[in-house]
Amino acid sequence: MHTVQLKIDNSIYDNVMFLLKNLQLQGLEIKEEKNDIKDIKDNFIIDFSTYKIDSFKDIKDPVKWQKDIRNEWQ
């Protein structure tokens, strides 16, 4: 018995699984392991909607505030 592991991009996953499942060969066992998005370091996504950030809530006019900061650099 041999084991083959495939790292498949999401865009072709359905096609590859369709092909493998329709081979109907004796001795072929398909085990699907779907990775949770937190386990995939290449596609790590941060959902900022889960955070409450109050750092800039007291700024009334953000454009003026930025201009004032930039004026300090001159």
PDB file of N, CA and C in Angstrom:
ATOM      1  N   MET A   1       0.862  -1.178   0.000  1.00  0.00           N
ATOM      2  CA  MET A   1       0.000   0.000   0.000  1.00  0.00           C
ATOM      3  C   MET A   1       0.906   1.238   0.000  1.00  0.00           C
ATOM      4  N   HIS A   2       0.572   2.228  -0.794  1.00  0.00           N
ATOM      5  CA  HIS A   2       1.301   3.488  -0.877  1.00  0.00           C
ATOM      6  C   HIS A   2       0.367   4.629  -0.482  1.00  0.00           C
ATOM      7  N   THR A   3       0.948   5.704  -0.015  1.00  0.00           N
ATOM      8  CA  THR A   3       0.182   6.898   0.330  1.00  0.00           C
ATOM      9  C   THR A   3       0.710   8.071  -0.484  1.00  0.00           C
ATOM     10  N   VAL A   4      -0.207   8.830  -1.058  1.00  0.00           N
ATOM     11  CA  VAL A   4       0.155  10.012  -1.836  1.00  0.00           C
ATOM     12  C   VAL A   4      -0.589  11.198  -1.238  1.00  0.00           C
ATOM     13  N   GLN A   5       0.134  12.258  -0.945  1.00  0.00           N
ATOM     14  CA  GLN A   5      -0.495  13.476  -0.436  1.00  0.00           C
ATOM     15  C   GLN A   5      -0.425  14.542  -1.514  1.00  0.00           C
ATOM     16  N   LEU A   6      -1.536  15.238  -1.719  1.00  0.00           N
ATOM     17  CA  LEU A   6      -1.601  16.304  -2.712  1.00  0.00           C
ATOM     18  C   LEU A   6      -1.937  17.617  -2.022  1.00  0.00           C
ATOM     19  N   LYS A   7      -1.243  18.646  -2.387  1.00  0.00           N
ATOM     20  CA  LYS A   7      -1.585  19.983  -1.922  1.00  0.00           C
ATOM     21  C   LYS A   7      -2.284  20.664  -3.105  1.00  0.00           C
ATOM     22  N   ILE A   8      -3.594  20.846  -2.987  1.00  0.00           N
ATOM     23  CA  ILE A   8      -4.409  21.282  -4.112  1.00  0.00           C
ATOM     24  C   ILE A   8      -4.955  22.676  -3.851  1.00  0.00           C
ATOM     25  N   ASP A   9      -4.802  23.552  -4.838  1.00  0.00           N
ATOM     26  CA  ASP A   9      -5.352  24.898  -4.753  1.00  0.00           C
ATOM     27  C   ASP A   9      -6.879  24.819  -4.753  1.00  0.00           C
ATOM     28  N   ASN A  10      -7.515  25.741  -4.043  1.00  0.00           N
ATOM     29  CA  ASN A  10      -8.974  25.747  -3.944  1.00  0.00           C
ATOM     30  C   ASN A  10      -9.653  25.822  -5.308  1.00  0.00           C
ATOM     31  N   SER A  11      -9.011  26.490  -6.265  1.00  0.00           N
ATOM     32  CA  SER A  11      -9.647  26.687  -7.569  1.00  0.00           C
ATOM     33  C   SER A  11      -9.793  25.391  -8.365  1.00  0.00           C
ATOM     34  N   ILE A  12      -8.986  24.373  -8.082  1.00  0.00           N
ATOM     35  CA  ILE A  12      -9.076  23.112  -8.827  1.00  0.00           C
ATOM     36  C   ILE A  12      -9.469  21.933  -7.943  1.00  0.00           C
ATOM     37  N   TYR A  13      -9.726  22.182  -6.682  1.00  0.00           N
ATOM     38  CA  TYR A  13     -10.014  21.109  -5.729  1.00  0.00           C
ATOM     39  C   TYR A  13     -11.207  20.258  -6.171  1.00  0.00           C
ATOM     40  N   ASP A  14     -12.306  20.905  -6.530  1.00  0.00           N
ATOM     41  CA  ASP A  14     -13.509  20.160  -6.910  1.00  0.00           C
ATOM     42  C   ASP A  14     -13.255  19.271  -8.122  1.00  0.00           C
ATOM     43  N   ASN A  15     -12.518  19.781  -9.101  1.00  0.00           N
ATOM     44  CA  ASN A  15     -12.229  18.990 -10.299  1.00  0.00           C
ATOM     45  C   ASN A  15     -11.382  17.758  -9.979  1.00  0.00           C
ATOM     46  N   VAL A  16     -10.362  17.936  -9.149  1.00  0.00           N
ATOM     47  CA  VAL A  16      -9.484  16.816  -8.792  1.00  0.00           C
ATOM     48  C   VAL A  16     -10.261  15.771  -7.996  1.00  0.00           C
ATOM     49  N   MET A  17     -11.080  16.220  -7.046  1.00  0.00           N
ATOM     50  CA  MET A  17     -11.849  15.271  -6.247  1.00  0.00           C
ATOM     51  C   MET A  17     -12.864  14.532  -7.104  1.00  0.00           C
ATOM     52  N   PHE A  18     -13.479  15.214  -8.054  1.00  0.00           N
ATOM     53  CA  PHE A  18     -14.413  14.564  -8.969  1.00  0.00           C
ATOM     54  C   PHE A  18     -13.699  13.460  -9.747  1.00  0.00           C
ATOM     55  N   LEU A  19     -12.525  13.774 -10.257  1.00  0.00           N
ATOM     56  CA  LEU A  19     -11.743  12.795 -11.018  1.00  0.00           C
ATOM     57  C   LEU A  19     -11.389  11.581 -10.152  1.00  0.00           C
ATOM     58  N   LEU A  20     -10.864  11.829  -8.963  1.00  0.00           N
ATOM     59  CA  LEU A  20     -10.453  10.725  -8.084  1.00  0.00           C
ATOM     60  C   LEU A  20     -11.637   9.854  -7.678  1.00  0.00           C
ATOM     61  N   LYS A  21     -12.758  10.482  -7.355  1.00  0.00           N
ATOM     62  CA  LYS A  21     -13.921   9.715  -6.897  1.00  0.00           C
ATOM     63  C   LYS A  21     -14.548   8.898  -8.028  1.00  0.00           C
ATOM     64  N   ASN A  22     -14.363   9.319  -9.254  1.00  0.00           N
ATOM     65  CA  ASN A  22     -14.959   8.603 -10.383  1.00  0.00           C
ATOM     66  C   ASN A  22     -14.018   7.576 -11.009  1.00  0.00           C
ATOM     67  N   LEU A  23     -12.823   7.398 -10.463  1.00  0.00           N
ATOM     68  CA  LEU A  23     -11.928   6.363 -10.970  1.00  0.00           C
ATOM     69  C   LEU A  23     -12.455   4.960 -10.667  1.00  0.00           C
ATOM     70  N   GLN A  24     -13.121   4.791  -9.543  1.00  0.00           N
ATOM     71  CA  GLN A  24     -13.737   3.526  -9.130  1.00  0.00           C
ATOM     72  C   GLN A  24     -12.764   2.350  -9.251  1.00  0.00           C
ATOM     73  N   LEU A  25     -11.603   2.506  -8.675  1.00  0.00           N
ATOM     74  CA  LEU A  25     -10.594   1.454  -8.676  1.00  0.00           C
ATOM     75  C   LEU A  25     -10.582   0.743  -7.334  1.00  0.00           C
ATOM     76  N   GLN A  26     -10.413  -0.581  -7.380  1.00  0.00           N
ATOM     77  CA  GLN A  26     -10.263  -1.324  -6.128  1.00  0.00           C
ATOM     78  C   GLN A  26      -8.910  -0.968  -5.532  1.00  0.00           C
ATOM     79  N   GLY A  27      -8.854  -0.812  -4.251  1.00  0.00           N
ATOM     80  CA  GLY A  27      -7.601  -0.497  -3.585  1.00  0.00           C
ATOM     81  C   GLY A  27      -7.346   0.998  -3.488  1.00  0.00           C
ATOM     82  N   LEU A  28      -8.281   1.805  -3.991  1.00  0.00           N
ATOM     83  CA  LEU A  28      -8.137   3.265  -3.890  1.00  0.00           C
ATOM     84  C   LEU A  28      -9.050   3.765  -2.782  1.00  0.00           C
ATOM     85  N   GLU A  29      -8.443   4.352  -1.764  1.00  0.00           N
ATOM     86  CA  GLU A  29      -9.193   4.918  -0.646  1.00  0.00           C
ATOM     87  C   GLU A  29      -8.879   6.411  -0.602  1.00  0.00           C
ATOM     88  N   ILE A  30      -9.917   7.225  -0.610  1.00  0.00           N
ATOM     89  CA  ILE A  30      -9.740   8.677  -0.594  1.00  0.00           C
ATOM     90  C   ILE A  30     -10.092   9.196   0.794  1.00  0.00           C
ATOM     91  N   LYS A  31      -9.129   9.862   1.422  1.00  0.00           N
ATOM     92  CA  LYS A  31      -9.353  10.499   2.716  1.00  0.00           C
ATOM     93  C   LYS A  31      -9.192  12.001   2.511  1.00  0.00           C
ATOM     94  N   GLU A  32     -10.245  12.750   2.760  1.00  0.00           N
ATOM     95  CA  GLU A  32     -10.188  14.203   2.608  1.00  0.00           C
ATOM     96  C   GLU A  32      -9.865  14.844   3.957  1.00  0.00           C
ATOM     97  N   GLU A  33      -8.900  15.718   3.953  1.00  0.00           N
ATOM     98  CA  GLU A  33      -8.564  16.513   5.134  1.00  0.00           C
ATOM     99  C   GLU A  33      -8.593  17.966   4.714  1.00  0.00           C
ATOM    100  N   LYS A  34      -9.619  18.660   5.128  1.00  0.00           N
ATOM    101  CA  LYS A  34      -9.718  20.069   4.773  1.00  0.00           C
ATOM    102  C   LYS A  34      -9.014  20.884   5.847  1.00  0.00           C
ATOM    103  N   ASN A  35      -8.112  21.730   5.408  1.00  0.00           N
ATOM    104  CA  ASN A  35      -7.361  22.567   6.336  1.00  0.00           C
ATOM    105  C   ASN A  35      -8.203  23.756   6.761  1.00  0.00           C
ATOM    106  N   ASP A  36      -8.168  24.042   8.051  1.00  0.00           N
ATOM    107  CA  ASP A  36      -8.807  25.245   8.564  1.00  0.00           C
ATOM    108  C   ASP A  36      -7.978  26.438   8.124  1.00  0.00           C
ATOM    109  N   ILE A  37      -8.612  27.562   7.863  1.00  0.00           N
ATOM    110  CA  ILE A  37      -7.888  28.735   7.358  1.00  0.00           C
ATOM    111  C   ILE A  37      -6.802  29.188   8.335  1.00  0.00           C
ATOM    112  N   LYS A  38      -6.951  28.904   9.618  1.00  0.00           N
ATOM    113  CA  LYS A  38      -5.936  29.302  10.593  1.00  0.00           C
ATOM    114  C   LYS A  38      -4.667  28.465  10.456  1.00  0.00           C
ATOM    115  N   ASP A  39      -4.801  27.278   9.860  1.00  0.00           N
ATOM    116  CA  ASP A  39      -3.643  26.407   9.685  1.00  0.00           C
ATOM    117  C   ASP A  39      -2.834  26.743   8.440  1.00  0.00           C
ATOM    118  N   ILE A  40      -3.386  27.522   7.551  1.00  0.00           N
ATOM    119  CA  ILE A  40      -2.710  27.839   6.298  1.00  0.00           C
ATOM    120  C   ILE A  40      -1.963  29.160   6.458  1.00  0.00           C
ATOM    121  N   LYS A  41      -0.644  29.088   6.608  1.00  0.00           N
ATOM    122  CA  LYS A  41       0.141  30.294   6.839  1.00  0.00           C
ATOM    123  C   LYS A  41       0.288  31.128   5.576  1.00  0.00           C
ATOM    124  N   ASP A  42       0.252  30.478   4.382  1.00  0.00           N
ATOM    125  CA  ASP A  42       0.402  31.209   3.129  1.00  0.00           C
ATOM    126  C   ASP A  42      -0.786  32.119   2.864  1.00  0.00           C
ATOM    127  N   ASN A  43      -1.955  31.724   3.302  1.00  0.00           N
ATOM    128  CA  ASN A  43      -3.173  32.487   3.045  1.00  0.00           C
ATOM    129  C   ASN A  43      -3.781  33.011   4.335  1.00  0.00           C
ATOM    130  N   PHE A  44      -2.938  33.445   5.246  1.00  0.00           N
ATOM    131  CA  PHE A  44      -3.417  33.898   6.543  1.00  0.00           C
ATOM    132  C   PHE A  44      -4.226  35.174   6.396  1.00  0.00           C
ATOM    133  N   ILE A  45      -5.432  35.166   6.899  1.00  0.00           N
ATOM    134  CA  ILE A  45      -6.333  36.304   6.783  1.00  0.00           C
ATOM    135  C   ILE A  45      -6.709  36.777   8.186  1.00  0.00           C
ATOM    136  N   ILE A  46      -6.672  38.076   8.387  1.00  0.00           N
ATOM    137  CA  ILE A  46      -7.084  38.656   9.664  1.00  0.00           C
ATOM    138  C   ILE A  46      -8.431  39.336   9.447  1.00  0.00           C
ATOM    139  N   ASP A  47      -9.416  38.965  10.229  1.00  0.00           N
ATOM    140  CA  ASP A  47     -10.733  39.575  10.148  1.00  0.00           C
ATOM    141  C   ASP A  47     -10.786  40.717  11.160  1.00  0.00           C
ATOM    142  N   PHE A  48     -10.601  41.932  10.668  1.00  0.00           N
ATOM    143  CA  PHE A  48     -10.553  43.089  11.550  1.00  0.00           C
ATOM    144  C   PHE A  48     -11.922  43.442  12.126  1.00  0.00           C
ATOM    145  N   SER A  49     -12.979  42.892  11.579  1.00  0.00           N
ATOM    146  CA  SER A  49     -14.306  43.182  12.111  1.00  0.00           C
ATOM    147  C   SER A  49     -14.499  42.587  13.506  1.00  0.00           C
ATOM    148  N   THR A  50     -13.619  41.677  13.905  1.00  0.00           N
ATOM    149  CA  THR A  50     -13.730  41.077  15.231  1.00  0.00           C
ATOM    150  C   THR A  50     -13.048  41.912  16.308  1.00  0.00           C
ATOM    151  N   TYR A  51     -12.346  42.964  15.890  1.00  0.00           N
ATOM    152  CA  TYR A  51     -11.628  43.821  16.838  1.00  0.00           C
ATOM    153  C   TYR A  51     -12.342  45.156  16.982  1.00  0.00           C
ATOM    154  N   LYS A  52     -12.275  45.704  18.180  1.00  0.00           N
ATOM    155  CA  LYS A  52     -12.811  47.042  18.416  1.00  0.00           C
ATOM    156  C   LYS A  52     -11.616  47.940  18.715  1.00  0.00           C
ATOM    157  N   ILE A  53     -11.351  48.867  17.816  1.00  0.00           N
ATOM    158  CA  ILE A  53     -10.198  49.749  17.953  1.00  0.00           C
ATOM    159  C   ILE A  53     -10.695  51.170  18.171  1.00  0.00           C
ATOM    160  N   ASP A  54     -10.360  51.743  19.319  1.00  0.00           N
ATOM    161  CA  ASP A  54     -10.815  53.085  19.674  1.00  0.00           C
ATOM    162  C   ASP A  54      -9.707  54.125  19.597  1.00  0.00           C
ATOM    163  N   SER A  55      -8.611  53.815  18.969  1.00  0.00           N
ATOM    164  CA  SER A  55      -7.443  54.689  18.974  1.00  0.00           C
ATOM    165  C   SER A  55      -7.705  56.070  18.398  1.00  0.00           C
ATOM    166  N   PHE A  56      -8.484  56.151  17.350  1.00  0.00           N
ATOM    167  CA  PHE A  56      -8.658  57.418  16.649  1.00  0.00           C
ATOM    168  C   PHE A  56     -10.072  57.980  16.775  1.00  0.00           C
ATOM    169  N   LYS A  57     -10.834  57.502  17.733  1.00  0.00           N
ATOM    170  CA  LYS A  57     -12.226  57.930  17.844  1.00  0.00           C
ATOM    171  C   LYS A  57     -12.367  59.395  18.245  1.00  0.00           C
ATOM    172  N   ASP A  58     -11.364  59.980  18.894  1.00  0.00           N
ATOM    173  CA  ASP A  58     -11.454  61.363  19.343  1.00  0.00           C
ATOM    174  C   ASP A  58     -11.059  62.372  18.269  1.00  0.00           C
ATOM    175  N   ILE A  59     -10.644  61.929  17.121  1.00  0.00           N
ATOM    176  CA  ILE A  59     -10.222  62.827  16.042  1.00  0.00           C
ATOM    177  C   ILE A  59     -11.466  63.261  15.271  1.00  0.00           C
ATOM    178  N   LYS A  60     -11.746  64.555  15.307  1.00  0.00           N
ATOM    179  CA  LYS A  60     -12.954  65.089  14.666  1.00  0.00           C
ATOM    180  C   LYS A  60     -12.775  65.243  13.160  1.00  0.00           C
ATOM    181  N   ASP A  61     -11.613  65.753  12.744  1.00  0.00           N
ATOM    182  CA  ASP A  61     -11.339  65.988  11.329  1.00  0.00           C
ATOM    183  C   ASP A  61     -10.044  65.266  10.958  1.00  0.00           C
ATOM    184  N   PRO A  62     -10.152  64.048  10.437  1.00  0.00           N
ATOM    185  CA  PRO A  62      -8.953  63.251  10.161  1.00  0.00           C
ATOM    186  C   PRO A  62      -8.000  63.896   9.150  1.00  0.00           C
ATOM    187  N   VAL A  63      -8.545  64.578   8.152  1.00  0.00           N
ATOM    188  CA  VAL A  63      -7.687  65.197   7.140  1.00  0.00           C
ATOM    189  C   VAL A  63      -6.852  66.320   7.767  1.00  0.00           C
ATOM    190  N   LYS A  64      -7.483  67.151   8.572  1.00  0.00           N
ATOM    191  CA  LYS A  64      -6.760  68.227   9.266  1.00  0.00           C
ATOM    192  C   LYS A  64      -5.714  67.634  10.204  1.00  0.00           C
ATOM    193  N   TRP A  65      -6.075  66.594  10.894  1.00  0.00           N
ATOM    194  CA  TRP A  65      -5.152  65.939  11.806  1.00  0.00           C
ATOM    195  C   TRP A  65      -3.910  65.442  11.051  1.00  0.00           C
ATOM    196  N   GLN A  66      -4.102  64.803   9.897  1.00  0.00           N
ATOM    197  CA  GLN A  66      -2.971  64.323   9.097  1.00  0.00           C
ATOM    198  C   GLN A  66      -2.111  65.484   8.600  1.00  0.00           C
ATOM    199  N   LYS A  67      -2.752  66.551   8.160  1.00  0.00           N
ATOM    200  CA  LYS A  67      -1.998  67.711   7.670  1.00  0.00           C
ATOM    201  C   LYS A  67      -1.155  68.321   8.783  1.00  0.00           C
ATOM    202  N   ASP A  68      -1.715  68.407   9.985  1.00  0.00           N
ATOM    203  CA  ASP A  68      -0.975  68.942  11.129  1.00  0.00           C
ATOM    204  C   ASP A  68       0.257  68.077  11.427  1.00  0.00           C
ATOM    205  N   ILE A  69       0.084  66.783  11.352  1.00  0.00           N
ATOM    206  CA  ILE A  69       1.226  65.887  11.608  1.00  0.00           C
ATOM    207  C   ILE A  69       2.289  66.075  10.533  1.00  0.00           C
ATOM    208  N   ARG A  70       1.873  66.177   9.288  1.00  0.00           N
ATOM    209  CA  ARG A  70       2.827  66.355   8.203  1.00  0.00           C
ATOM    210  C   ARG A  70       3.549  67.694   8.305  1.00  0.00           C
ATOM    211  N   ASN A  71       2.859  68.700   8.784  1.00  0.00           N
ATOM    212  CA  ASN A  71       3.481  70.013   8.953  1.00  0.00           C
ATOM    213  C   ASN A  71       4.605  69.970   9.984  1.00  0.00           C
ATOM    214  N   GLU A  72       4.514  69.068  10.936  1.00  0.00           N
ATOM    215  CA  GLU A  72       5.570  68.909  11.932  1.00  0.00           C
ATOM    216  C   GLU A  72       6.871  68.434  11.275  1.00  0.00           C
ATOM    217  N   TRP A  73       6.775  67.744  10.135  1.00  0.00           N
ATOM    218  CA  TRP A  73       7.950  67.191   9.472  1.00  0.00           C
ATOM    219  C   TRP A  73       8.724  68.250   8.710  1.00  0.00           C
ATOM    220  N   GLN A  74       8.105  69.377   8.440  1.00  0.00           N
ATOM    221  CA  GLN A  74       8.767  70.394   7.621  1.00  0.00           C
ATOM    222  C   GLN A  74       9.641  71.305   8.438  1.00  0.00           C
TER     223      GLN A  74
END
